[in-house]
């Protein structure tokens, strides 16, 4: 976020900056969702709701799992939250005691480590690389498990790499955790933005798997702060109490408006946007490779490319700052995502339009032609 802030400061000084940094879709909510918001506002729907969320929205999310992912999820297991961040905080608050260790991949979304720390847990980062698609594997989980480990926190597709855990491997990871009587949390916030083959939810594997998701990415509603968590049936009362105490309920207006996400017309819009993200991915990955970046694992989801910049620099932070100053292209260095070779990698976001991506590639080509190469 500090890097993004500096890019915006350069814009205020009159510089033209192409943002390929922050993980936010460049789309907004469809017209039907905005109309539903106006209607809810006109009706004065501004009071508290149930802590677990309004029943129609929980039913709609359940139907979404059935229709888009082929999995039956009882609405009673779904708790609507103030974004996926609140969902992950609920899970960590419920499951982590002081000193408990939680396995997670390195690199990973940086807030995941802090969610664990917030409840005096210990994020146990496991270095992962191209050989496992920058994801945990069953073998790695088995090797790192010990008496202090309480569970695993997975993300599929992942930020910053855009890679997914193959479903058969995900099943094996969950089985290892079960044998060790631990918990499995799977962050599926990017599940709707998967491009190669049918997306499958970890909820298929059993009711003991905890899944979090959000309206922020596939539904392009980042600032609405609306998400959900699916938990085992017997845990719902405990999670409801925590929600009541931590944030009372998610935004009533956002919940009412989100019902319009699941109409056939809105879903057609979201699917068309997914196709556009795929088109962007299919452009930017080979474009980066042509420029000389190494992309060890092409992404199959989300809207990120994890690109190796070691041809030019062993310090991705310095490289990203020089690229920002010299070419007006904002890309995030790897330092924010963990301690596993952060100086080697950049996270490139393609959550901007194709014209912007093409201009960014043109600028980078010109700037890189003037840089010494380690190749």
Protein backbone atom coordinates (compact mmCIF):
# COMPACT_ATOMS: atom_id res chain seq x y z
CA UNK A 1 0.00 0.00 0.00
CA UNK A 2 2.94 2.34 0.63
CA UNK A 3 4.15 1.66 -2.90
CA UNK A 4 0.69 2.40 -4.30
CA UNK A 5 0.59 5.60 -2.28
CA UNK A 6 3.87 6.77 -3.84
CA UNK A 7 2.49 6.03 -7.31
CA UNK A 8 -0.54 8.17 -6.57
CA UNK A 9 1.66 10.99 -5.30
CA UNK A 10 3.47 10.96 -8.65
CA UNK A 11 0.09 11.21 -10.38
CA UNK A 12 -0.78 14.24 -8.28
CA UNK A 13 2.47 15.80 -9.49
CA UNK A 14 1.26 15.39 -13.06
CA UNK A 15 2.94 12.09 -14.01
CA UNK A 16 1.08 9.54 -16.12
CA UNK A 17 1.05 6.29 -14.12
CA UNK A 18 -0.30 2.93 -15.24
CA UNK A 19 -1.38 0.96 -12.18
CA UNK A 20 -0.55 -2.74 -12.29
CA UNK A 21 -0.16 -2.94 -8.55
CA UNK A 22 -3.25 -2.96 -6.37
CA UNK A 23 -5.49 -6.02 -6.43
CA UNK A 24 -8.78 -4.34 -7.29
CA UNK A 25 -10.95 -4.97 -10.35
CA UNK A 26 -11.35 -1.99 -12.65
CA UNK A 27 -15.05 -2.81 -12.95
CA UNK A 28 -17.86 -1.63 -10.69
CA UNK A 29 -21.07 -3.30 -9.58
CA UNK A 30 -23.62 -3.89 -12.37
CA UNK A 31 -26.57 -1.54 -12.81
CA UNK A 32 -28.97 -4.02 -11.19
CA UNK A 33 -26.91 -4.01 -7.99
CA UNK A 34 -26.80 -0.22 -7.91
CA UNK A 35 -30.56 -0.10 -8.47
CA UNK A 36 -31.07 -2.55 -5.61
CA UNK A 37 -28.95 -0.31 -3.38
CA UNK A 38 -31.11 2.71 -4.25
CA UNK A 39 -34.26 0.72 -3.54
CA UNK A 40 -32.96 -0.49 -0.17
CA UNK A 41 -31.94 3.07 0.72
CA UNK A 42 -35.36 4.44 -0.25
CA UNK A 43 -37.00 1.81 1.92
CA UNK A 44 -34.84 2.86 4.88
CA UNK A 45 -33.12 -0.53 5.17
CA UNK A 46 -30.40 0.81 7.45
CA UNK A 47 -30.94 -1.07 10.70
CA UNK A 48 -29.04 -4.05 12.04
CA UNK A 49 -29.56 -7.47 10.54
CA UNK A 50 -28.97 -10.86 12.09
CA UNK A 51 -25.29 -11.33 12.86
CA UNK A 52 -25.13 -14.24 10.41
CA UNK A 53 -26.64 -12.16 7.60
CA UNK A 54 -30.06 -11.86 6.02
CA UNK A 55 -31.68 -15.17 5.11
CA UNK A 56 -32.31 -14.32 1.42
CA UNK A 57 -28.62 -13.60 0.86
CA UNK A 58 -27.51 -16.79 2.60
CA UNK A 59 -29.95 -18.70 0.39
CA UNK A 60 -28.61 -16.95 -2.71
CA UNK A 61 -25.00 -17.81 -1.83
CA UNK A 62 -26.03 -21.42 -1.27
CA UNK A 63 -27.67 -21.50 -4.71
CA UNK A 64 -24.51 -19.95 -6.22
CA UNK A 65 -22.41 -22.84 -4.89
CA UNK A 66 -24.88 -25.35 -6.30
CA UNK A 67 -25.24 -23.76 -9.74
CA UNK A 68 -21.65 -22.59 -10.37
CA UNK A 69 -19.58 -25.18 -8.49
CA UNK A 70 -21.89 -28.19 -8.22
CA UNK A 71 -21.71 -28.43 -4.43
CA UNK A 72 -24.59 -28.41 -1.94
CA UNK A 73 -24.03 -26.05 0.99
CA UNK A 74 -26.79 -25.57 3.54
CA UNK A 75 -27.62 -21.86 3.95
CA UNK A 76 -27.47 -22.38 7.71
CA UNK A 77 -23.68 -22.95 7.40
CA UNK A 78 -23.11 -19.61 5.66
CA UNK A 79 -22.28 -16.54 7.74
CA UNK A 80 -22.25 -13.18 5.95
CA UNK A 81 -19.33 -11.02 7.06
CA UNK A 82 -17.89 -7.54 6.63
CA UNK A 83 -15.63 -8.66 3.78
CA UNK A 84 -13.40 -11.72 3.53
CA UNK A 85 -11.06 -10.07 6.03
CA UNK A 86 -13.75 -10.28 8.71
CA UNK A 87 -14.39 -13.89 7.71
CA UNK A 88 -10.73 -14.80 8.20
CA UNK A 89 -10.62 -12.88 11.48
CA UNK A 90 -13.66 -14.81 12.72
CA UNK A 91 -11.99 -18.09 11.81
CA UNK A 92 -8.73 -17.18 13.53
CA UNK A 93 -10.52 -15.87 16.61
CA UNK A 94 -12.54 -19.07 16.93
CA UNK A 95 -9.78 -21.57 16.24
CA UNK A 96 -6.42 -20.18 17.40
CA UNK A 97 -5.13 -20.17 20.96
CA UNK A 98 -1.99 -18.42 22.13
CA UNK A 99 1.09 -20.08 20.67
CA UNK A 100 -0.78 -22.19 18.12
CA UNK A 101 1.10 -22.47 14.83
CA UNK A 102 -0.69 -22.26 11.50
CA UNK A 103 0.98 -23.42 8.28
CA UNK A 104 0.72 -21.17 5.24
CA UNK A 105 2.60 -20.72 2.01
CA UNK A 106 5.40 -18.23 1.47
CA UNK A 107 4.72 -16.19 -0.66
CA UNK A 108 1.16 -15.38 0.44
CA UNK A 109 -1.24 -12.51 0.99
CA UNK A 110 0.48 -10.59 3.82
CA UNK A 111 -2.65 -9.96 5.91
CA UNK A 112 -3.10 -13.70 6.42
CA UNK A 113 -0.02 -13.75 8.64
CA UNK A 114 -1.37 -10.81 10.62
CA UNK A 115 -4.81 -12.36 11.09
CA UNK A 116 -3.05 -15.27 12.82
CA UNK A 117 -0.86 -12.96 14.91
CA UNK A 118 -3.90 -10.91 15.99
CA UNK A 119 -4.98 -13.86 18.17
CA UNK A 120 -1.49 -14.65 19.47
CA UNK A 121 -0.99 -17.43 16.97
CA UNK A 122 2.24 -18.05 15.09
CA UNK A 123 2.20 -17.96 11.28
CA UNK A 124 4.44 -20.85 10.24
CA UNK A 125 5.46 -19.86 6.72
CA UNK A 126 6.58 -22.64 4.40
CA UNK A 127 8.78 -21.66 1.47
CA UNK A 128 7.13 -22.79 -1.76
CA UNK A 129 8.26 -22.46 -5.36
CA UNK A 130 7.40 -23.33 -8.94
CA UNK A 131 7.64 -27.08 -8.25
CA UNK A 132 4.40 -26.88 -6.21
CA UNK A 133 2.87 -23.96 -8.14
CA UNK A 134 3.84 -21.65 -5.24
CA UNK A 135 1.35 -23.56 -3.08
CA UNK A 136 1.50 -25.90 -0.11
CA UNK A 137 1.45 -29.61 -0.90
CA UNK A 138 0.40 -32.60 1.19
CA UNK A 139 4.04 -33.62 1.47
CA UNK A 140 5.10 -30.20 2.75
CA UNK A 141 2.26 -30.12 5.29
CA UNK A 142 3.19 -33.62 6.49
CA UNK A 143 6.85 -32.62 6.86
CA UNK A 144 6.11 -29.41 8.78
CA UNK A 145 3.39 -30.73 11.09
CA UNK A 146 4.31 -31.02 14.76
CA UNK A 147 2.60 -30.87 18.14
CA UNK A 148 2.42 -27.07 18.07
CA UNK A 149 0.70 -26.87 14.67
CA UNK A 150 -3.05 -26.32 14.89
CA UNK A 151 -4.04 -26.06 11.23
CA UNK A 152 -3.40 -24.73 7.73
CA UNK A 153 -4.52 -21.58 5.92
CA UNK A 154 -4.63 -22.04 2.15
CA UNK A 155 -5.55 -19.68 -0.69
CA UNK A 156 -6.61 -21.06 -4.06
CA UNK A 157 -6.30 -19.23 -6.43
CA UNK A 158 -3.61 -17.32 -4.61
CA UNK A 159 -2.54 -13.74 -4.18
CA UNK A 160 0.24 -12.94 -5.26
CA UNK A 161 0.83 -15.80 -7.69
CA UNK A 162 -2.55 -16.35 -9.35
CA UNK A 163 -2.00 -20.11 -9.04
CA UNK A 164 -4.42 -22.74 -7.74
CA UNK A 165 -3.86 -25.94 -5.82
CA UNK A 166 -4.77 -28.91 -8.06
CA UNK A 167 -7.97 -30.37 -6.63
CA UNK A 168 -6.55 -33.83 -6.03
CA UNK A 169 -3.63 -32.27 -4.13
CA UNK A 170 -6.04 -30.13 -2.11
CA UNK A 171 -7.88 -33.31 -1.10
CA UNK A 172 -4.58 -34.87 0.02
CA UNK A 173 -3.68 -31.79 2.09
CA UNK A 174 -7.04 -31.85 3.84
CA UNK A 175 -6.62 -35.55 4.61
CA UNK A 176 -3.20 -34.91 6.20
CA UNK A 177 -4.75 -32.20 8.38
CA UNK A 178 -7.63 -34.46 9.36
CA UNK A 179 -5.27 -37.22 10.43
CA UNK A 180 -3.57 -34.71 12.68
CA UNK A 181 -6.90 -33.43 14.06
CA UNK A 182 -6.27 -29.91 12.80
CA UNK A 183 -8.35 -27.34 10.93
CA UNK A 184 -8.25 -26.37 7.27
CA UNK A 185 -9.20 -22.84 6.19
CA UNK A 186 -9.34 -22.24 2.43
CA UNK A 187 -9.56 -18.67 1.17
CA UNK A 188 -11.54 -18.90 -2.09
CA UNK A 189 -11.97 -15.18 -2.74
CA UNK A 190 -10.72 -15.65 -6.33
CA UNK A 191 -12.53 -18.92 -7.05
CA UNK A 192 -14.93 -17.24 -9.48
CA UNK A 193 -11.94 -15.95 -11.46
CA UNK A 194 -10.47 -19.25 -12.59
CA UNK A 195 -9.71 -19.62 -16.28
CA UNK A 196 -8.42 -23.10 -17.07
CA UNK A 197 -10.98 -25.82 -16.51
CA UNK A 198 -13.94 -25.92 -14.14
CA UNK A 199 -13.43 -24.32 -10.74
CA UNK A 200 -14.03 -26.60 -7.77
CA UNK A 201 -14.61 -25.52 -4.19
CA UNK A 202 -12.91 -27.14 -1.21
CA UNK A 203 -16.42 -27.49 0.22
CA UNK A 204 -16.71 -30.63 -1.92
CA UNK A 205 -14.23 -32.36 0.36
CA UNK A 206 -16.37 -32.32 3.51
CA UNK A 207 -18.24 -30.23 6.04
CA UNK A 208 -15.18 -29.91 8.27
CA UNK A 209 -13.44 -27.58 5.75
CA UNK A 210 -13.81 -23.86 6.47
CA UNK A 211 -14.09 -21.68 3.36
CA UNK A 212 -14.03 -17.90 3.10
CA UNK A 213 -15.05 -15.78 0.13
CA UNK A 214 -16.17 -12.30 -0.81
CA UNK A 215 -18.07 -10.02 -3.15
CA UNK A 216 -14.86 -8.06 -3.79
CA UNK A 217 -13.19 -9.84 -6.71
CA UNK A 218 -15.51 -11.84 -9.00
CA UNK A 219 -18.40 -9.51 -8.14
CA UNK A 220 -16.17 -6.36 -8.28
CA UNK A 221 -17.55 -4.84 -5.05
CA UNK A 222 -14.36 -4.16 -3.06
CA UNK A 223 -15.53 -1.10 -1.13
CA UNK A 224 -18.88 -2.62 -0.21
CA UNK A 225 -17.07 -4.74 2.42
CA UNK A 226 -19.16 -7.85 2.09
CA UNK A 227 -18.01 -11.45 2.30
CA UNK A 228 -18.91 -14.77 3.86
CA UNK A 229 -17.58 -17.83 5.63
CA UNK A 230 -18.85 -21.41 5.47
CA UNK A 231 -18.31 -23.42 8.67
CA UNK A 232 -19.26 -26.87 10.01
CA UNK A 233 -22.91 -26.89 11.18
CA UNK A 234 -22.08 -27.38 14.85
CA UNK A 235 -19.78 -24.33 14.85
CA UNK A 236 -22.35 -21.82 13.64
CA UNK A 237 -23.52 -20.71 17.14
CA UNK A 238 -19.95 -19.95 18.25
CA UNK A 239 -19.21 -17.99 15.06
CA UNK A 240 -22.51 -16.12 15.44
CA UNK A 241 -21.55 -15.02 18.96
CA UNK A 242 -18.17 -13.82 17.74
CA UNK A 243 -19.78 -11.86 14.90
CA UNK A 244 -22.21 -10.27 17.35
CA UNK A 245 -19.34 -9.10 19.51
CA UNK A 246 -16.78 -8.13 16.86
CA UNK A 247 -18.85 -6.22 14.29
CA UNK A 248 -22.59 -6.88 15.04
CA UNK A 249 -23.45 -7.52 11.38
CA UNK A 250 -22.35 -6.77 7.84
CA UNK A 251 -23.72 -3.66 6.13
CA UNK A 252 -27.48 -3.99 5.70
CA UNK A 253 -27.50 -1.92 2.51
CA UNK A 254 -24.66 -3.95 1.00
CA UNK A 255 -26.46 -7.21 1.84
CA UNK A 256 -29.70 -6.05 0.25
CA UNK A 257 -27.91 -4.82 -2.87
CA UNK A 258 -25.86 -8.00 -3.19
CA UNK A 259 -29.02 -10.02 -3.75
CA UNK A 260 -29.08 -8.52 -7.25
CA UNK A 261 -25.69 -10.12 -7.98
CA UNK A 262 -27.37 -13.48 -8.44
CA UNK A 263 -29.92 -12.57 -11.11
CA UNK A 264 -29.29 -14.16 -14.52
CA UNK A 265 -28.53 -10.74 -16.03
CA UNK A 266 -25.94 -9.85 -13.39
CA UNK A 267 -24.30 -13.26 -13.55
CA UNK A 268 -23.99 -12.86 -17.33
CA UNK A 269 -22.13 -9.59 -16.71
CA UNK A 270 -19.77 -11.22 -14.22
CA UNK A 271 -19.03 -14.12 -16.57
CA UNK A 272 -18.32 -11.74 -19.44
CA UNK A 273 -15.90 -9.88 -17.19
CA UNK A 274 -14.20 -13.16 -16.28
CA UNK A 275 -13.69 -13.78 -19.99
CA UNK A 276 -12.16 -10.31 -20.28
CA UNK A 277 -9.76 -11.02 -17.40
CA UNK A 278 -8.76 -14.23 -19.20
CA UNK A 279 -8.08 -12.22 -22.37
CA UNK A 280 -5.88 -9.87 -20.37
CA UNK A 281 -4.00 -12.78 -18.83
CA UNK A 282 -3.49 -14.35 -22.21
CA UNK A 283 -1.96 -11.07 -23.39
CA UNK A 284 0.17 -10.04 -20.43
CA UNK A 285 1.90 -13.37 -19.65
CA UNK A 286 3.54 -13.80 -23.09
CA UNK A 287 4.17 -10.05 -23.25
CA UNK A 288 6.14 -10.17 -20.00
CA UNK A 289 8.04 -13.22 -21.23
CA UNK A 290 8.86 -11.42 -24.49
CA UNK A 291 10.22 -8.50 -22.46
CA UNK A 292 12.57 -10.89 -20.66
CA UNK A 293 10.72 -11.61 -17.43
CA UNK A 294 10.58 -15.24 -16.38
CA UNK A 295 7.11 -16.45 -15.41
CA UNK A 296 7.85 -19.81 -13.75
CA UNK A 297 4.18 -20.73 -13.27
CA UNK A 298 1.60 -19.09 -15.55
CA UNK A 299 -1.42 -18.09 -13.44
CA UNK A 300 -4.70 -19.95 -13.84
CA UNK A 301 -6.81 -17.61 -11.70
CA UNK A 302 -7.18 -14.25 -9.94
CA UNK A 303 -5.55 -11.35 -11.83
CA UNK A 304 -1.87 -11.57 -10.92
CA UNK A 305 1.35 -12.74 -12.52
CA UNK A 306 4.30 -13.59 -10.28
CA UNK A 307 7.22 -12.58 -12.47
CA UNK A 308 10.95 -13.09 -11.97
CA UNK A 309 12.95 -9.89 -12.59
CA UNK A 310 16.40 -11.34 -11.75
CA UNK A 311 17.53 -10.83 -15.34
CA UNK A 312 17.93 -7.17 -14.40
CA UNK A 313 18.12 -7.02 -10.62
CA UNK A 314 18.42 -9.07 -7.44
CA UNK A 315 16.42 -6.37 -5.62
CA UNK A 316 12.83 -6.30 -6.87
CA UNK A 317 11.99 -3.35 -4.59
CA UNK A 318 14.68 -1.19 -6.12
CA UNK A 319 13.72 -2.43 -9.59
CA UNK A 320 10.02 -1.60 -9.03
CA UNK A 321 10.86 1.89 -7.76
CA UNK A 322 13.11 2.56 -10.74
CA UNK A 323 10.46 1.24 -13.11
CA UNK A 324 7.88 3.52 -11.51
CA UNK A 325 10.15 6.57 -11.80
CA UNK A 326 11.52 5.74 -15.24
CA UNK A 327 8.49 4.32 -17.04
CA UNK A 328 5.47 5.37 -15.01
CA UNK A 329 4.41 1.74 -14.46
CA UNK A 330 3.46 0.66 -10.93
CA UNK A 331 4.20 -2.99 -10.09
CA UNK A 332 4.46 -4.44 -6.57
CA UNK A 333 7.79 -5.93 -5.39
CA UNK A 334 7.87 -9.32 -3.70
CA UNK A 335 8.90 -8.05 -0.26
CA UNK A 336 5.32 -7.75 0.94
CA UNK A 337 4.47 -11.39 0.35
CA UNK A 338 7.02 -13.17 2.53
CA UNK A 339 10.68 -14.01 3.06
CA UNK A 340 11.03 -16.56 0.25
CA UNK A 341 13.20 -14.88 -2.41
CA UNK A 342 11.29 -11.59 -2.28
CA UNK A 343 14.08 -9.78 -4.14
CA UNK A 344 13.56 -12.02 -7.16
CA UNK A 345 9.87 -11.51 -7.83
CA UNK A 346 7.31 -8.88 -8.75
CA UNK A 347 3.54 -9.16 -8.58
CA UNK A 348 1.99 -7.82 -11.76
CA UNK A 349 -1.74 -7.13 -11.57
CA UNK A 350 -3.76 -7.21 -14.78
CA UNK A 351 -6.85 -5.70 -13.14
CA UNK A 352 -6.69 -2.85 -15.63
CA UNK A 353 -7.99 -2.63 -19.19
CA UNK A 354 -6.21 -4.16 -22.16
CA UNK A 355 -5.30 -0.79 -23.62
CA UNK A 356 -3.58 0.14 -20.36
CA UNK A 357 -1.71 -3.17 -20.31
CA UNK A 358 -0.47 -2.64 -23.85
CA UNK A 359 0.71 0.87 -23.03
CA UNK A 360 2.47 -0.45 -19.92
CA UNK A 361 4.27 -3.09 -21.99
CA UNK A 362 5.34 -0.43 -24.51
CA UNK A 363 6.71 1.77 -21.72
CA UNK A 364 8.52 -1.14 -20.08
CA UNK A 365 10.04 -2.22 -23.38
CA UNK A 366 11.45 1.27 -23.93
CA UNK A 367 12.74 1.57 -20.36
CA UNK A 368 14.23 -1.94 -20.22
CA UNK A 369 16.13 -1.38 -23.46
CA UNK A 370 18.22 1.14 -21.54
CA UNK A 371 18.91 -1.14 -18.54
CA UNK A 372 21.92 -3.45 -18.15
CA UNK A 373 20.98 -7.14 -18.19
CA UNK A 374 22.35 -9.99 -16.05
CA UNK A 375 21.44 -12.50 -18.76
